Amino acid sequence: MLSYAKSYFRNCRLARMSNGEVCLIRDQGLVKGGRGLKHHEVLIVFSIRWLAASSRQSLKTAGIRARDFLVRNKPNAFPAMRKIGQKKH
């Protein structure tokens, strides 16, 4: 399995796309008549918007509202994250 993963990600590099996303791409060769432009295959997209959406979804499945998680003054929003020694309200 590990050798398959190594061979799948061979000759790959990180690239920033024009819309601001960072992608792991594999170059596939020159574009015909493209004056040096290259075709590429996008393997993985790393996006801040996707990361925020997936974290919201994981909080939702845990039964925590995202805005309660982000508000620091709510003592019951996420009790495990209280500092040690902080009094309960």
Protein backbone atom coordinates (compact mmCIF):
# COMPACT_ATOMS: atom_id res chain seq x y z
CA MET A 1 0.00 0.00 0.00
CA LEU A 2 2.78 2.41 0.88
CA SER A 3 4.62 1.71 -2.37
CA TYR A 4 1.42 2.47 -4.28
CA ALA A 5 1.11 5.82 -2.50
CA LYS A 6 4.75 6.65 -3.23
CA SER A 7 4.32 5.86 -6.91
CA TYR A 8 1.04 7.81 -7.09
CA PHE A 9 2.57 11.02 -5.74
CA ARG A 10 5.81 10.77 -7.72
CA ASN A 11 6.70 13.87 -9.78
CA CYS A 12 4.14 16.02 -7.94
CA ARG A 13 4.50 19.56 -6.64
CA LEU A 14 2.53 22.22 -4.79
CA ALA A 15 1.17 25.05 -6.92
CA ARG A 16 -0.96 28.10 -6.16
CA MET A 17 -3.88 28.41 -8.56
CA SER A 18 -5.31 31.67 -9.87
CA ASN A 19 -8.32 31.46 -7.52
CA GLY A 20 -6.04 31.30 -4.45
CA GLU A 21 -6.24 27.58 -3.74
CA VAL A 22 -3.09 25.57 -3.18
CA CYS A 23 -3.09 22.27 -5.07
CA LEU A 24 -0.90 19.24 -5.36
CA ILE A 25 -0.45 18.83 -9.13
CA ARG A 26 1.31 16.55 -11.58
CA ASP A 27 2.62 18.04 -14.81
CA GLN A 28 1.57 16.10 -17.90
CA GLY A 29 3.50 17.80 -20.66
CA LEU A 30 3.42 20.78 -22.93
CA VAL A 31 0.29 22.30 -24.45
CA LYS A 32 0.41 22.06 -28.23
CA GLY A 33 1.09 25.56 -29.56
CA GLY A 34 0.97 26.95 -26.02
CA ARG A 35 4.38 28.65 -25.98
CA GLY A 36 5.67 26.74 -22.98
CA LEU A 37 2.40 26.22 -21.09
CA LYS A 38 1.92 22.83 -19.46
CA HIS A 39 -1.07 20.58 -18.89
CA HIS A 40 -1.46 19.47 -15.28
CA GLU A 41 -3.59 17.05 -13.29
CA VAL A 42 -4.90 18.25 -9.91
CA LEU A 43 -4.51 15.51 -7.31
CA ILE A 44 -5.47 17.26 -4.05
CA VAL A 45 -6.92 20.74 -3.41
CA PHE A 46 -5.98 22.49 -0.16
CA SER A 47 -8.52 25.27 0.41
CA ILE A 48 -9.23 27.43 3.45
CA ARG A 49 -12.93 27.44 2.55
CA TRP A 50 -12.99 23.63 2.46
CA LEU A 51 -11.13 23.43 5.78
CA ALA A 52 -13.64 25.77 7.43
CA ALA A 53 -16.59 23.82 6.02
CA SER A 54 -15.23 20.48 7.20
CA SER A 55 -14.49 21.82 10.69
CA ARG A 56 -18.03 23.23 10.89
CA GLN A 57 -19.40 19.85 9.86
CA SER A 58 -17.35 17.98 12.47
CA LEU A 59 -18.51 20.39 15.18
CA LYS A 60 -22.10 19.89 14.01
CA THR A 61 -21.83 16.11 14.30
CA ALA A 62 -20.42 16.55 17.82
CA GLY A 63 -23.49 18.63 18.74
CA ILE A 64 -21.62 21.92 19.16
CA ARG A 65 -22.65 25.08 17.35
CA ALA A 66 -19.73 26.76 15.60
CA ARG A 67 -20.45 30.17 17.06
CA ASP A 68 -20.50 28.71 20.60
CA PHE A 69 -17.15 27.09 19.94
CA LEU A 70 -15.64 30.39 18.82
CA VAL A 71 -16.97 32.49 21.71
CA ARG A 72 -14.48 32.33 24.57
CA ASN A 73 -16.67 33.77 27.34
CA LYS A 74 -19.21 30.95 27.28
CA PRO A 75 -18.11 28.51 29.99
CA ASN A 76 -20.35 25.62 28.87
CA ALA A 77 -19.53 25.79 25.15
CA PHE A 78 -16.64 23.37 25.38
CA PRO A 79 -15.75 22.57 29.02
CA ALA A 80 -12.70 20.46 28.17
CA MET A 81 -10.90 23.51 26.80
CA ARG A 82 -11.09 25.52 30.07
CA LYS A 83 -7.75 26.31 31.58
CA ILE A 84 -6.74 24.31 34.63
CA GLY A 85 -7.48 26.25 37.77
CA GLN A 86 -10.22 28.37 36.20
CA LYS A 87 -13.34 28.50 38.34
CA LYS A 88 -16.64 27.16 37.06
CA HIS A 89 -19.32 29.81 36.56
